Amino acid sequence: MNWIFLAVAIVAEVIATSALKASEGFTRTLPSVLVVVGYGIAFYMLSLTLRSIPMGVVYAIWSGAGIVLITLVGYFMFRQRLDLPALVGIGLIVAGVLVMQLFSKSTSH
């Protein structure tokens, strides 16, 4: 169940961050409401996850998955393009999360 909480937290954070871009500095009502609600859900779910999964592991997965997903949102919704060094950096973050998940005994599978 904790992994589901973490997945919901990540998705809520990505929605909130996307809405933050769309809120245009909190001048648009609906995206602004999505920001507040999305981050509220994200942090609540993250707090539930931290009950049983180590904080460093949770944060690595949260940030790594969030970076990848928000990059995809930026690409498809906002037409933001990244250069090769940025993509390599994101790939290294994903590789680090995979190493933790596959080889670390600190994670609770």
N, C-alpha and C. Protein backbone atom coordinates (compact mmCIF):
# COMPACT_ATOMS: atom_id res chain seq x y z
N MET A 1 0.82 -1.20 0.00
CA MET A 1 0.00 0.00 0.00
C MET A 1 0.86 1.27 0.00
N ASN A 2 2.03 1.17 0.65
CA ASN A 2 2.90 2.35 0.72
C ASN A 2 3.39 2.80 -0.65
N TRP A 3 3.60 1.83 -1.55
CA TRP A 3 4.04 2.18 -2.89
C TRP A 3 2.92 2.86 -3.66
N ILE A 4 1.68 2.50 -3.37
CA ILE A 4 0.53 3.17 -3.99
C ILE A 4 0.46 4.61 -3.48
N PHE A 5 0.65 4.79 -2.16
CA PHE A 5 0.68 6.15 -1.60
C PHE A 5 1.75 6.99 -2.29
N LEU A 6 2.92 6.39 -2.51
CA LEU A 6 4.00 7.13 -3.15
C LEU A 6 3.65 7.47 -4.60
N ALA A 7 3.05 6.53 -5.30
CA ALA A 7 2.65 6.79 -6.69
C ALA A 7 1.62 7.92 -6.76
N VAL A 8 0.65 7.90 -5.86
CA VAL A 8 -0.36 8.97 -5.83
C VAL A 8 0.31 10.30 -5.51
N ALA A 9 1.27 10.29 -4.56
CA ALA A 9 1.99 11.52 -4.21
C ALA A 9 2.73 12.09 -5.41
N ILE A 10 3.36 11.22 -6.16
CA ILE A 10 4.13 11.66 -7.33
C ILE A 10 3.21 12.24 -8.39
N VAL A 11 2.12 11.55 -8.68
CA VAL A 11 1.18 12.04 -9.70
C VAL A 11 0.56 13.37 -9.26
N ALA A 12 0.18 13.47 -8.00
CA ALA A 12 -0.40 14.72 -7.49
C ALA A 12 0.60 15.87 -7.58
N GLU A 13 1.86 15.58 -7.28
CA GLU A 13 2.89 16.62 -7.36
C GLU A 13 3.12 17.06 -8.80
N VAL A 14 3.10 16.13 -9.73
CA VAL A 14 3.29 16.47 -11.14
C VAL A 14 2.11 17.31 -11.65
N ILE A 15 0.90 16.95 -11.24
CA ILE A 15 -0.28 17.74 -11.62
C ILE A 15 -0.17 19.14 -11.04
N ALA A 16 0.22 19.22 -9.76
CA ALA A 16 0.33 20.53 -9.11
C ALA A 16 1.42 21.39 -9.77
N THR A 17 2.54 20.79 -10.10
CA THR A 17 3.62 21.54 -10.74
C THR A 17 3.22 22.00 -12.13
N SER A 18 2.51 21.16 -12.86
CA SER A 18 2.01 21.55 -14.18
C SER A 18 1.02 22.69 -14.06
N ALA A 19 0.16 22.62 -13.06
CA ALA A 19 -0.82 23.68 -12.83
C ALA A 19 -0.12 24.97 -12.40
N LEU A 20 1.00 24.83 -11.68
CA LEU A 20 1.75 26.02 -11.26
C LEU A 20 2.23 26.79 -12.48
N LYS A 21 2.72 26.07 -13.47
CA LYS A 21 3.13 26.72 -14.73
C LYS A 21 1.93 27.37 -15.40
N ALA A 22 0.81 26.65 -15.42
CA ALA A 22 -0.40 27.15 -16.09
C ALA A 22 -1.08 28.28 -15.32
N SER A 23 -0.79 28.42 -14.02
CA SER A 23 -1.45 29.44 -13.21
C SER A 23 -0.98 30.85 -13.54
N GLU A 24 0.14 30.93 -14.24
CA GLU A 24 0.71 32.22 -14.63
C GLU A 24 0.85 33.15 -13.43
N GLY A 25 1.59 32.65 -12.43
CA GLY A 25 1.85 33.46 -11.24
C GLY A 25 0.63 33.60 -10.35
N PHE A 26 -0.19 32.58 -10.29
CA PHE A 26 -1.43 32.56 -9.50
C PHE A 26 -2.43 33.63 -9.96
N THR A 27 -2.42 33.94 -11.25
CA THR A 27 -3.39 34.91 -11.78
C THR A 27 -4.58 34.21 -12.42
N ARG A 28 -4.51 32.89 -12.59
CA ARG A 28 -5.62 32.12 -13.15
C ARG A 28 -6.17 31.21 -12.06
N THR A 29 -7.49 31.27 -11.83
CA THR A 29 -8.11 30.63 -10.68
C THR A 29 -8.02 29.11 -10.69
N LEU A 30 -8.49 28.46 -11.72
CA LEU A 30 -8.53 27.00 -11.74
C LEU A 30 -7.15 26.37 -11.58
N PRO A 31 -6.15 26.79 -12.36
CA PRO A 31 -4.82 26.22 -12.14
C PRO A 31 -4.28 26.50 -10.74
N SER A 32 -4.59 27.66 -10.19
CA SER A 32 -4.13 28.01 -8.84
C SER A 32 -4.74 27.08 -7.80
N VAL A 33 -6.01 26.76 -7.95
CA VAL A 33 -6.68 25.83 -7.03
C VAL A 33 -6.05 24.44 -7.17
N LEU A 34 -5.78 24.03 -8.40
CA LEU A 34 -5.13 22.73 -8.62
C LEU A 34 -3.76 22.66 -7.96
N VAL A 35 -3.03 23.77 -7.95
CA VAL A 35 -1.73 23.80 -7.30
C VAL A 35 -1.87 23.50 -5.82
N VAL A 36 -2.76 24.22 -5.15
CA VAL A 36 -2.92 24.06 -3.70
C VAL A 36 -3.44 22.66 -3.36
N VAL A 37 -4.47 22.20 -4.06
CA VAL A 37 -5.04 20.88 -3.78
C VAL A 37 -4.03 19.78 -4.13
N GLY A 38 -3.37 19.91 -5.27
CA GLY A 38 -2.41 18.90 -5.70
C GLY A 38 -1.25 18.75 -4.74
N TYR A 39 -0.67 19.87 -4.31
CA TYR A 39 0.43 19.78 -3.36
C TYR A 39 -0.04 19.28 -2.00
N GLY A 40 -1.26 19.64 -1.60
CA GLY A 40 -1.81 19.12 -0.35
C GLY A 40 -1.92 17.60 -0.38
N ILE A 41 -2.48 17.08 -1.45
CA ILE A 41 -2.60 15.62 -1.61
C ILE A 41 -1.21 14.99 -1.67
N ALA A 42 -0.31 15.60 -2.44
CA ALA A 42 1.03 15.04 -2.61
C ALA A 42 1.75 14.92 -1.26
N PHE A 43 1.73 15.97 -0.47
CA PHE A 43 2.46 15.93 0.79
C PHE A 43 1.79 15.04 1.82
N TYR A 44 0.47 14.97 1.80
CA TYR A 44 -0.21 14.05 2.70
C TYR A 44 0.15 12.60 2.36
N MET A 45 0.07 12.25 1.09
CA MET A 45 0.42 10.89 0.67
C MET A 45 1.89 10.59 0.92
N LEU A 46 2.74 11.59 0.71
CA LEU A 46 4.15 11.40 1.00
C LEU A 46 4.36 11.11 2.49
N SER A 47 3.62 11.79 3.34
CA SER A 47 3.76 11.54 4.79
C SER A 47 3.34 10.13 5.16
N LEU A 48 2.33 9.60 4.48
CA LEU A 48 1.91 8.22 4.74
C LEU A 48 2.99 7.23 4.29
N THR A 49 3.62 7.54 3.19
CA THR A 49 4.68 6.68 2.67
C THR A 49 5.86 6.61 3.64
N LEU A 50 6.15 7.73 4.27
CA LEU A 50 7.32 7.79 5.15
C LEU A 50 7.16 6.98 6.44
N ARG A 51 5.98 6.44 6.67
CA ARG A 51 5.78 5.59 7.84
C ARG A 51 6.60 4.31 7.78
N SER A 52 6.83 3.81 6.57
CA SER A 52 7.48 2.50 6.48
C SER A 52 8.63 2.41 5.48
N ILE A 53 8.80 3.39 4.64
CA ILE A 53 9.90 3.37 3.67
C ILE A 53 10.89 4.46 4.09
N PRO A 54 12.18 4.17 4.10
CA PRO A 54 13.17 5.17 4.52
C PRO A 54 13.06 6.48 3.73
N MET A 55 13.25 7.58 4.43
CA MET A 55 13.09 8.90 3.85
C MET A 55 13.96 9.12 2.61
N GLY A 56 15.22 8.70 2.66
CA GLY A 56 16.10 8.89 1.51
C GLY A 56 15.63 8.15 0.28
N VAL A 57 15.11 6.95 0.49
CA VAL A 57 14.59 6.15 -0.62
C VAL A 57 13.35 6.81 -1.20
N VAL A 58 12.43 7.22 -0.32
CA VAL A 58 11.20 7.88 -0.76
C VAL A 58 11.53 9.13 -1.56
N TYR A 59 12.43 9.93 -1.04
CA TYR A 59 12.73 11.19 -1.71
C TYR A 59 13.44 10.96 -3.04
N ALA A 60 14.29 9.97 -3.11
CA ALA A 60 14.96 9.66 -4.38
C ALA A 60 13.94 9.25 -5.44
N ILE A 61 13.01 8.39 -5.06
CA ILE A 61 12.00 7.94 -6.01
C ILE A 61 11.07 9.09 -6.37
N TRP A 62 10.63 9.83 -5.36
CA TRP A 62 9.73 10.98 -5.55
C TRP A 62 10.36 11.98 -6.53
N SER A 63 11.59 12.36 -6.29
CA SER A 63 12.21 13.37 -7.13
C SER A 63 12.58 12.82 -8.50
N GLY A 64 13.09 11.60 -8.56
CA GLY A 64 13.45 11.02 -9.85
C GLY A 64 12.26 10.83 -10.77
N ALA A 65 11.21 10.22 -10.24
CA ALA A 65 10.00 10.02 -11.05
C ALA A 65 9.36 11.36 -11.39
N GLY A 66 9.37 12.28 -10.42
CA GLY A 66 8.79 13.60 -10.68
C GLY A 66 9.51 14.34 -11.78
N ILE A 67 10.84 14.26 -11.77
CA ILE A 67 11.63 14.93 -12.81
C ILE A 67 11.30 14.37 -14.19
N VAL A 68 11.24 13.06 -14.29
CA VAL A 68 10.94 12.44 -15.59
C VAL A 68 9.53 12.82 -16.05
N LEU A 69 8.56 12.68 -15.15
CA LEU A 69 7.17 12.97 -15.54
C LEU A 69 6.96 14.45 -15.87
N ILE A 70 7.53 15.34 -15.08
CA ILE A 70 7.33 16.76 -15.36
C ILE A 70 8.07 17.17 -16.63
N THR A 71 9.16 16.48 -16.94
CA THR A 71 9.85 16.73 -18.21
C THR A 71 8.96 16.34 -19.38
N LEU A 72 8.28 15.20 -19.24
CA LEU A 72 7.35 14.78 -20.30
C LEU A 72 6.17 15.74 -20.43
N VAL A 73 5.64 16.19 -19.31
CA VAL A 73 4.55 17.18 -19.34
C VAL A 73 5.04 18.46 -20.02
N GLY A 74 6.22 18.92 -19.65
CA GLY A 74 6.77 20.12 -20.26
C GLY A 74 6.94 19.97 -21.76
N TYR A 75 7.36 18.79 -22.18
CA TYR A 75 7.56 18.54 -23.60
C TYR A 75 6.24 18.52 -24.37
N PHE A 76 5.27 17.76 -23.86
CA PHE A 76 4.03 17.57 -24.60
C PHE A 76 3.01 18.71 -24.40
N MET A 77 2.93 19.27 -23.22
CA MET A 77 1.93 20.30 -22.97
C MET A 77 2.42 21.72 -23.23
N PHE A 78 3.70 21.97 -22.91
CA PHE A 78 4.22 23.32 -22.99
C PHE A 78 5.28 23.49 -24.08
N ARG A 79 5.51 22.43 -24.86
CA ARG A 79 6.46 22.45 -25.99
C ARG A 79 7.86 22.87 -25.56
N GLN A 80 8.26 22.44 -24.37
CA GLN A 80 9.60 22.74 -23.87
C GLN A 80 10.55 21.63 -24.32
N ARG A 81 11.67 22.02 -24.90
CA ARG A 81 12.65 21.06 -25.40
C ARG A 81 13.88 21.10 -24.52
N LEU A 82 14.49 19.94 -24.30
CA LEU A 82 15.72 19.86 -23.53
C LEU A 82 16.86 19.44 -24.44
N ASP A 83 18.05 19.94 -24.13
CA ASP A 83 19.22 19.54 -24.92
C ASP A 83 19.79 18.22 -24.38
N LEU A 84 20.78 17.70 -25.09
CA LEU A 84 21.35 16.40 -24.74
C LEU A 84 21.92 16.35 -23.32
N PRO A 85 22.68 17.35 -22.87
CA PRO A 85 23.18 17.27 -21.49
C PRO A 85 22.05 17.19 -20.45
N ALA A 86 20.97 17.89 -20.67
CA ALA A 86 19.83 17.82 -19.74
C ALA A 86 19.23 16.42 -19.74
N LEU A 87 19.08 15.84 -20.90
CA LEU A 87 18.53 14.48 -21.00
C LEU A 87 19.46 13.44 -20.38
N VAL A 88 20.76 13.62 -20.56
CA VAL A 88 21.72 12.71 -19.94
C VAL A 88 21.63 12.82 -18.42
N GLY A 89 21.53 14.03 -17.92
CA GLY A 89 21.40 14.24 -16.48
C GLY A 89 20.16 13.57 -15.92
N ILE A 90 19.04 13.69 -16.61
CA ILE A 90 17.81 13.03 -16.19
C ILE A 90 18.00 11.52 -16.23
N GLY A 91 18.67 11.02 -17.25
CA GLY A 91 18.95 9.59 -17.34
C GLY A 91 19.78 9.10 -16.17
N LEU A 92 20.75 9.91 -15.73
CA LEU A 92 21.57 9.53 -14.58
C LEU A 92 20.75 9.48 -13.29
N ILE A 93 19.81 10.39 -13.15
CA ILE A 93 18.93 10.38 -11.99
C ILE A 93 18.09 9.10 -11.99
N VAL A 94 17.52 8.77 -13.13
CA VAL A 94 16.73 7.54 -13.25
C VAL A 94 17.59 6.32 -12.96
N ALA A 95 18.81 6.31 -13.46
CA ALA A 95 19.72 5.19 -13.20
C ALA A 95 19.99 5.05 -11.70
N GLY A 96 20.16 6.16 -11.02
CA GLY A 96 20.38 6.12 -9.57
C GLY A 96 19.20 5.55 -8.82
N VAL A 97 18.00 5.94 -9.20
CA VAL A 97 16.80 5.39 -8.56
C VAL A 97 16.69 3.89 -8.84
N LEU A 98 16.99 3.47 -10.06
CA LEU A 98 16.94 2.04 -10.38
C LEU A 98 17.97 1.25 -9.58
N VAL A 99 19.16 1.78 -9.43
CA VAL A 99 20.18 1.09 -8.64
C VAL A 99 19.69 0.92 -7.20
N MET A 100 19.10 1.97 -6.64
CA MET A 100 18.55 1.86 -5.28
C MET A 100 17.49 0.78 -5.20
N GLN A 101 16.58 0.79 -6.14
CA GLN A 101 15.47 -0.16 -6.11
C GLN A 101 15.91 -1.59 -6.34
N LEU A 102 16.85 -1.78 -7.23
CA LEU A 102 17.24 -3.13 -7.60
C LEU A 102 18.28 -3.75 -6.69
N PHE A 103 19.15 -2.93 -6.12
CA PHE A 103 20.29 -3.48 -5.40
C PHE A 103 20.39 -3.13 -3.92
N SER A 104 19.68 -2.10 -3.48
CA SER A 104 19.80 -1.69 -2.08
C SER A 104 18.91 -2.52 -1.17
N LYS A 105 19.44 -2.86 -0.02
CA LYS A 105 18.65 -3.55 0.98
C LYS A 105 17.87 -2.55 1.85
N SER A 106 18.07 -1.26 1.61
CA SER A 106 17.38 -0.22 2.38
C SER A 106 15.93 -0.05 1.94
N THR A 107 15.62 -0.48 0.74
CA THR A 107 14.25 -0.33 0.26
C THR A 107 13.41 -1.50 0.73
N SER A 108 12.14 -1.21 0.95
CA SER A 108 11.22 -2.30 1.35
C SER A 108 10.38 -2.66 0.16
N HIS A 109 10.66 -3.78 -0.47
CA HIS A 109 9.98 -4.18 -1.70
C HIS A 109 8.67 -4.85 -1.40
